[in-house]
Amino acid sequence: MRTNDVVRLSWISALLSDAGIECLVLDVHTSIMEGSVGAIPRRLMVADDDVASTIKLLTDAGENDLVE
């Protein structure tokens, strides 16, 4: 997932965490360094082994636009 929406990023991170799926948010420091104007989106990553369960979880949560 790639987004400038920190609230949605937090929601998805919490959703994954509650399901026991570890995630990593990338580009946090880059986004802060550029002044947090939203020009550089943050990326949320999961391990390859967690992709299928993440897709199911996001689909069940109505976050279909994140599923490719």
PDB file of N, CA and C in Angstrom:
ATOM      1  N   MET A   1       0.846  -1.163   0.000  1.00  0.00           N
ATOM      2  CA  MET A   1       0.000   0.000   0.000  1.00  0.00           C
ATOM      3  C   MET A   1       0.891   1.226   0.000  1.00  0.00           C
ATOM      4  N   ARG A   2       0.482   2.228  -0.729  1.00  0.00           N
ATOM      5  CA  ARG A   2       1.194   3.509  -0.770  1.00  0.00           C
ATOM      6  C   ARG A   2       0.157   4.609  -0.596  1.00  0.00           C
ATOM      7  N   THR A   3       0.390   5.486   0.383  1.00  0.00           N
ATOM      8  CA  THR A   3      -0.594   6.528   0.653  1.00  0.00           C
ATOM      9  C   THR A   3       0.026   7.732   1.350  1.00  0.00           C
ATOM     10  N   ASN A   4      -0.626   8.865   1.187  1.00  0.00           N
ATOM     11  CA  ASN A   4      -0.293  10.077   1.933  1.00  0.00           C
ATOM     12  C   ASN A   4      -1.232  10.248   3.123  1.00  0.00           C
ATOM     13  N   ASP A   5      -2.229   9.398   3.226  1.00  0.00           N
ATOM     14  CA  ASP A   5      -3.245   9.470   4.274  1.00  0.00           C
ATOM     15  C   ASP A   5      -2.746   8.731   5.523  1.00  0.00           C
ATOM     16  N   VAL A   6      -2.216   9.491   6.487  1.00  0.00           N
ATOM     17  CA  VAL A   6      -1.641   8.871   7.686  1.00  0.00           C
ATOM     18  C   VAL A   6      -2.703   8.219   8.568  1.00  0.00           C
ATOM     19  N   VAL A   7      -3.927   8.705   8.518  1.00  0.00           N
ATOM     20  CA  VAL A   7      -5.004   8.100   9.303  1.00  0.00           C
ATOM     21  C   VAL A   7      -5.338   6.715   8.737  1.00  0.00           C
ATOM     22  N   ARG A   8      -5.459   6.623   7.424  1.00  0.00           N
ATOM     23  CA  ARG A   8      -5.743   5.329   6.796  1.00  0.00           C
ATOM     24  C   ARG A   8      -4.570   4.367   7.003  1.00  0.00           C
ATOM     25  N   LEU A   9      -3.371   4.871   6.918  1.00  0.00           N
ATOM     26  CA  LEU A   9      -2.182   4.058   7.142  1.00  0.00           C
ATOM     27  C   LEU A   9      -2.198   3.490   8.566  1.00  0.00           C
ATOM     28  N   SER A  10      -2.555   4.320   9.518  1.00  0.00           N
ATOM     29  CA  SER A  10      -2.646   3.878  10.908  1.00  0.00           C
ATOM     30  C   SER A  10      -3.739   2.824  11.076  1.00  0.00           C
ATOM     31  N   TRP A  11      -4.876   3.029  10.428  1.00  0.00           N
ATOM     32  CA  TRP A  11      -5.998   2.078  10.501  1.00  0.00           C
ATOM     33  C   TRP A  11      -5.587   0.722   9.937  1.00  0.00           C
ATOM     34  N   ILE A  12      -4.960   0.714   8.781  1.00  0.00           N
ATOM     35  CA  ILE A  12      -4.553  -0.541   8.161  1.00  0.00           C
ATOM     36  C   ILE A  12      -3.477  -1.223   9.004  1.00  0.00           C
ATOM     37  N   SER A  13      -2.540  -0.453   9.532  1.00  0.00           N
ATOM     38  CA  SER A  13      -1.495  -1.019  10.396  1.00  0.00           C
ATOM     39  C   SER A  13      -2.109  -1.681  11.621  1.00  0.00           C
ATOM     40  N   ALA A  14      -3.079  -1.021  12.247  1.00  0.00           N
ATOM     41  CA  ALA A  14      -3.747  -1.578  13.425  1.00  0.00           C
ATOM     42  C   ALA A  14      -4.546  -2.828  13.067  1.00  0.00           C
ATOM     43  N   LEU A  15      -5.208  -2.810  11.941  1.00  0.00           N
ATOM     44  CA  LEU A  15      -5.974  -3.958  11.465  1.00  0.00           C
ATOM     45  C   LEU A  15      -5.061  -5.165  11.280  1.00  0.00           C
ATOM     46  N   LEU A  16      -3.922  -4.947  10.632  1.00  0.00           N
ATOM     47  CA  LEU A  16      -2.969  -6.032  10.420  1.00  0.00           C
ATOM     48  C   LEU A  16      -2.387  -6.522  11.744  1.00  0.00           C
ATOM     49  N   SER A  17      -2.037  -5.603  12.611  1.00  0.00           N
ATOM     50  CA  SER A  17      -1.469  -5.962  13.906  1.00  0.00           C
ATOM     51  C   SER A  17      -2.445  -6.798  14.721  1.00  0.00           C
ATOM     52  N   ASP A  18      -3.707  -6.398  14.737  1.00  0.00           N
ATOM     53  CA  ASP A  18      -4.729  -7.143  15.468  1.00  0.00           C
ATOM     54  C   ASP A  18      -4.890  -8.560  14.938  1.00  0.00           C
ATOM     55  N   ALA A  19      -4.605  -8.760  13.645  1.00  0.00           N
ATOM     56  CA  ALA A  19      -4.707 -10.073  13.018  1.00  0.00           C
ATOM     57  C   ALA A  19      -3.405 -10.869  13.158  1.00  0.00           C
ATOM     58  N   GLY A  20      -2.398 -10.273  13.804  1.00  0.00           N
ATOM     59  CA  GLY A  20      -1.130 -10.965  13.976  1.00  0.00           C
ATOM     60  C   GLY A  20      -0.218 -10.907  12.763  1.00  0.00           C
ATOM     61  N   ILE A  21      -0.485  -9.954  11.864  1.00  0.00           N
ATOM     62  CA  ILE A  21       0.332  -9.793  10.662  1.00  0.00           C
ATOM     63  C   ILE A  21       1.268  -8.611  10.875  1.00  0.00           C
ATOM     64  N   GLU A  22       2.565  -8.894  10.823  1.00  0.00           N
ATOM     65  CA  GLU A  22       3.541  -7.820  10.989  1.00  0.00           C
ATOM     66  C   GLU A  22       3.632  -6.998   9.711  1.00  0.00           C
ATOM     67  N   CYS A  23       3.762  -5.693   9.873  1.00  0.00           N
ATOM     68  CA  CYS A  23       3.931  -4.819   8.723  1.00  0.00           C
ATOM     69  C   CYS A  23       5.029  -3.804   9.021  1.00  0.00           C
ATOM     70  N   LEU A  24       5.518  -3.214   7.980  1.00  0.00           N
ATOM     71  CA  LEU A  24       6.577  -2.227   8.078  1.00  0.00           C
ATOM     72  C   LEU A  24       6.164  -1.013   7.266  1.00  0.00           C
ATOM     73  N   VAL A  25       6.268   0.166   7.869  1.00  0.00           N
ATOM     74  CA  VAL A  25       5.947   1.406   7.163  1.00  0.00           C
ATOM     75  C   VAL A  25       7.261   2.034   6.704  1.00  0.00           C
ATOM     76  N   LEU A  26       7.399   2.199   5.416  1.00  0.00           N
ATOM     77  CA  LEU A  26       8.596   2.779   4.819  1.00  0.00           C
ATOM     78  C   LEU A  26       8.364   4.233   4.435  1.00  0.00           C
ATOM     79  N   ASP A  27       9.424   4.980   4.330  1.00  0.00           N
ATOM     80  CA  ASP A  27       9.424   6.382   3.876  1.00  0.00           C
ATOM     81  C   ASP A  27       8.878   7.361   4.905  1.00  0.00           C
ATOM     82  N   VAL A  28       8.775   6.943   6.164  1.00  0.00           N
ATOM     83  CA  VAL A  28       8.287   7.844   7.207  1.00  0.00           C
ATOM     84  C   VAL A  28       9.243   9.015   7.369  1.00  0.00           C
ATOM     85  N   HIS A  29      10.524   8.723   7.482  1.00  0.00           N
ATOM     86  CA  HIS A  29      11.505   9.790   7.703  1.00  0.00           C
ATOM     87  C   HIS A  29      11.666  10.675   6.466  1.00  0.00           C
ATOM     88  N   THR A  30      11.570  10.083   5.298  1.00  0.00           N
ATOM     89  CA  THR A  30      11.651  10.865   4.065  1.00  0.00           C
ATOM     90  C   THR A  30      10.485  11.834   3.982  1.00  0.00           C
ATOM     91  N   SER A  31       9.313  11.360   4.329  1.00  0.00           N
ATOM     92  CA  SER A  31       8.124  12.203   4.307  1.00  0.00           C
ATOM     93  C   SER A  31       8.255  13.360   5.294  1.00  0.00           C
ATOM     94  N   ILE A  32       8.813  13.077   6.469  1.00  0.00           N
ATOM     95  CA  ILE A  32       8.996  14.129   7.473  1.00  0.00           C
ATOM     96  C   ILE A  32      10.040  15.138   7.005  1.00  0.00           C
ATOM     97  N   MET A  33      11.126  14.655   6.398  1.00  0.00           N
ATOM     98  CA  MET A  33      12.208  15.543   5.956  1.00  0.00           C
ATOM     99  C   MET A  33      11.749  16.524   4.874  1.00  0.00           C
ATOM    100  N   GLU A  34      10.791  16.098   4.046  1.00  0.00           N
ATOM    101  CA  GLU A  34      10.336  16.991   2.985  1.00  0.00           C
ATOM    102  C   GLU A  34       9.272  17.971   3.484  1.00  0.00           C
ATOM    103  N   GLY A  35       9.027  17.967   4.776  1.00  0.00           N
ATOM    104  CA  GLY A  35       8.119  18.947   5.350  1.00  0.00           C
ATOM    105  C   GLY A  35       6.713  18.448   5.588  1.00  0.00           C
ATOM    106  N   SER A  36       6.476  17.167   5.374  1.00  0.00           N
ATOM    107  CA  SER A  36       5.167  16.552   5.598  1.00  0.00           C
ATOM    108  C   SER A  36       4.049  17.217   4.795  1.00  0.00           C
ATOM    109  N   VAL A  37       4.363  17.694   3.598  1.00  0.00           N
ATOM    110  CA  VAL A  37       3.324  18.283   2.752  1.00  0.00           C
ATOM    111  C   VAL A  37       2.606  17.218   1.932  1.00  0.00           C
ATOM    112  N   GLY A  38       3.037  15.979   2.061  1.00  0.00           N
ATOM    113  CA  GLY A  38       2.351  14.893   1.377  1.00  0.00           C
ATOM    114  C   GLY A  38       2.876  14.592  -0.008  1.00  0.00           C
ATOM    115  N   ALA A  39       4.026  15.126  -0.371  1.00  0.00           N
ATOM    116  CA  ALA A  39       4.562  14.881  -1.703  1.00  0.00           C
ATOM    117  C   ALA A  39       5.127  13.472  -1.837  1.00  0.00           C
ATOM    118  N   ILE A  40       5.589  12.915  -0.731  1.00  0.00           N
ATOM    119  CA  ILE A  40       6.178  11.572  -0.760  1.00  0.00           C
ATOM    120  C   ILE A  40       5.285  10.639   0.047  1.00  0.00           C
ATOM    121  N   PRO A  41       4.605   9.718  -0.633  1.00  0.00           N
ATOM    122  CA  PRO A  41       3.722   8.809   0.095  1.00  0.00           C
ATOM    123  C   PRO A  41       4.514   7.810   0.928  1.00  0.00           C
ATOM    124  N   ARG A  42       3.909   7.362   1.992  1.00  0.00           N
ATOM    125  CA  ARG A  42       4.480   6.310   2.824  1.00  0.00           C
ATOM    126  C   ARG A  42       4.003   4.966   2.300  1.00  0.00           C
ATOM    127  N   ARG A  43       4.847   3.955   2.464  1.00  0.00           N
ATOM    128  CA  ARG A  43       4.515   2.615   1.968  1.00  0.00           C
ATOM    129  C   ARG A  43       4.396   1.648   3.136  1.00  0.00           C
ATOM    130  N   LEU A  44       3.365   0.817   3.087  1.00  0.00           N
ATOM    131  CA  LEU A  44       3.163  -0.220   4.086  1.00  0.00           C
ATOM    132  C   LEU A  44       3.441  -1.565   3.416  1.00  0.00           C
ATOM    133  N   MET A  45       4.326  -2.339   4.010  1.00  0.00           N
ATOM    134  CA  MET A  45       4.755  -3.603   3.425  1.00  0.00           C
ATOM    135  C   MET A  45       4.466  -4.755   4.388  1.00  0.00           C
ATOM    136  N   VAL A  46       4.167  -5.923   3.821  1.00  0.00           N
ATOM    137  CA  VAL A  46       4.038  -7.151   4.597  1.00  0.00           C
ATOM    138  C   VAL A  46       4.957  -8.197   3.974  1.00  0.00           C
ATOM    139  N   ALA A  47       5.284  -9.219   4.737  1.00  0.00           N
ATOM    140  CA  ALA A  47       6.133 -10.306   4.240  1.00  0.00           C
ATOM    141  C   ALA A  47       5.401 -11.092   3.158  1.00  0.00           C
ATOM    142  N   ASP A  48       6.168 -11.673   2.257  1.00  0.00           N
ATOM    143  CA  ASP A  48       5.586 -12.470   1.171  1.00  0.00           C
ATOM    144  C   ASP A  48       4.657 -13.559   1.694  1.00  0.00           C
ATOM    145  N   ASP A  49       5.020 -14.175   2.814  1.00  0.00           N
ATOM    146  CA  ASP A  49       4.204 -15.250   3.382  1.00  0.00           C
ATOM    147  C   ASP A  49       2.856 -14.755   3.905  1.00  0.00           C
ATOM    148  N   ASP A  50       2.731 -13.449   4.141  1.00  0.00           N
ATOM    149  CA  ASP A  50       1.498 -12.884   4.689  1.00  0.00           C
ATOM    150  C   ASP A  50       0.596 -12.229   3.644  1.00  0.00           C
ATOM    151  N   VAL A  51       0.993 -12.275   2.389  1.00  0.00           N
ATOM    152  CA  VAL A  51       0.232 -11.573   1.348  1.00  0.00           C
ATOM    153  C   VAL A  51      -1.196 -12.106   1.221  1.00  0.00           C
ATOM    154  N   ALA A  52      -1.363 -13.417   1.150  1.00  0.00           N
ATOM    155  CA  ALA A  52      -2.706 -13.994   0.966  1.00  0.00           C
ATOM    156  C   ALA A  52      -3.622 -13.641   2.136  1.00  0.00           C
ATOM    157  N   SER A  53      -3.134 -13.774   3.362  1.00  0.00           N
ATOM    158  CA  SER A  53      -3.977 -13.456   4.516  1.00  0.00           C
ATOM    159  C   SER A  53      -4.243 -11.957   4.608  1.00  0.00           C
ATOM    160  N   THR A  54      -3.290 -11.140   4.169  1.00  0.00           N
ATOM    161  CA  THR A  54      -3.491  -9.686   4.155  1.00  0.00           C
ATOM    162  C   THR A  54      -4.566  -9.307   3.148  1.00  0.00           C
ATOM    163  N   ILE A  55      -4.519  -9.903   1.971  1.00  0.00           N
ATOM    164  CA  ILE A  55      -5.534  -9.623   0.945  1.00  0.00           C
ATOM    165  C   ILE A  55      -6.923  -9.999   1.460  1.00  0.00           C
ATOM    166  N   LYS A  56      -7.043 -11.162   2.090  1.00  0.00           N
ATOM    167  CA  LYS A  56      -8.342 -11.580   2.621  1.00  0.00           C
ATOM    168  C   LYS A  56      -8.814 -10.620   3.705  1.00  0.00           C
ATOM    169  N   LEU A  57      -7.923 -10.246   4.600  1.00  0.00           N
ATOM    170  CA  LEU A  57      -8.268  -9.333   5.688  1.00  0.00           C
ATOM    171  C   LEU A  57      -8.724  -7.979   5.147  1.00  0.00           C
ATOM    172  N   LEU A  58      -7.989  -7.429   4.187  1.00  0.00           N
ATOM    173  CA  LEU A  58      -8.354  -6.125   3.617  1.00  0.00           C
ATOM    174  C   LEU A  58      -9.669  -6.193   2.851  1.00  0.00           C
ATOM    175  N   THR A  59      -9.890  -7.296   2.142  1.00  0.00           N
ATOM    176  CA  THR A  59     -11.147  -7.468   1.409  1.00  0.00           C
ATOM    177  C   THR A  59     -12.319  -7.549   2.391  1.00  0.00           C
ATOM    178  N   ASP A  60     -12.148  -8.337   3.447  1.00  0.00           N
ATOM    179  CA  ASP A  60     -13.201  -8.477   4.462  1.00  0.00           C
ATOM    180  C   ASP A  60     -13.491  -7.148   5.165  1.00  0.00           C
ATOM    181  N   ALA A  61     -12.473  -6.293   5.267  1.00  0.00           N
ATOM    182  CA  ALA A  61     -12.629  -4.993   5.936  1.00  0.00           C
ATOM    183  C   ALA A  61     -13.153  -3.904   4.995  1.00  0.00           C
ATOM    184  N   GLY A  62     -13.388  -4.270   3.736  1.00  0.00           N
ATOM    185  CA  GLY A  62     -13.919  -3.304   2.782  1.00  0.00           C
ATOM    186  C   GLY A  62     -12.866  -2.404   2.152  1.00  0.00           C
ATOM    187  N   GLU A  63     -11.622  -2.782   2.306  1.00  0.00           N
ATOM    188  CA  GLU A  63     -10.524  -2.010   1.730  1.00  0.00           C
ATOM    189  C   GLU A  63     -10.134  -2.608   0.366  1.00  0.00           C
ATOM    190  N   ASN A  64     -11.131  -2.817  -0.482  1.00  0.00           N
ATOM    191  CA  ASN A  64     -10.931  -3.490  -1.767  1.00  0.00           C
ATOM    192  C   ASN A  64     -10.016  -2.728  -2.719  1.00  0.00           C
ATOM    193  N   ASP A  65      -9.959  -1.405  -2.589  1.00  0.00           N
ATOM    194  CA  ASP A  65      -9.133  -0.633  -3.509  1.00  0.00           C
ATOM    195  C   ASP A  65      -7.643  -0.863  -3.270  1.00  0.00           C
ATOM    196  N   LEU A  66      -7.289  -1.491  -2.146  1.00  0.00           N
ATOM    197  CA  LEU A  66      -5.886  -1.778  -1.869  1.00  0.00           C
ATOM    198  C   LEU A  66      -5.462  -3.124  -2.427  1.00  0.00           C
ATOM    199  N   VAL A  67      -6.415  -3.945  -2.814  1.00  0.00           N
ATOM    200  CA  VAL A  67      -6.133  -5.294  -3.295  1.00  0.00           C
ATOM    201  C   VAL A  67      -5.979  -5.251  -4.811  1.00  0.00           C
ATOM    202  N   GLU A  68      -4.825  -5.720  -5.256  1.00  0.00           N
ATOM    203  CA  GLU A  68      -4.551  -5.719  -6.708  1.00  0.00           C
ATOM    204  C   GLU A  68      -4.819  -7.066  -7.303  1.00  0.00           C
TER     205      GLU A  68
END
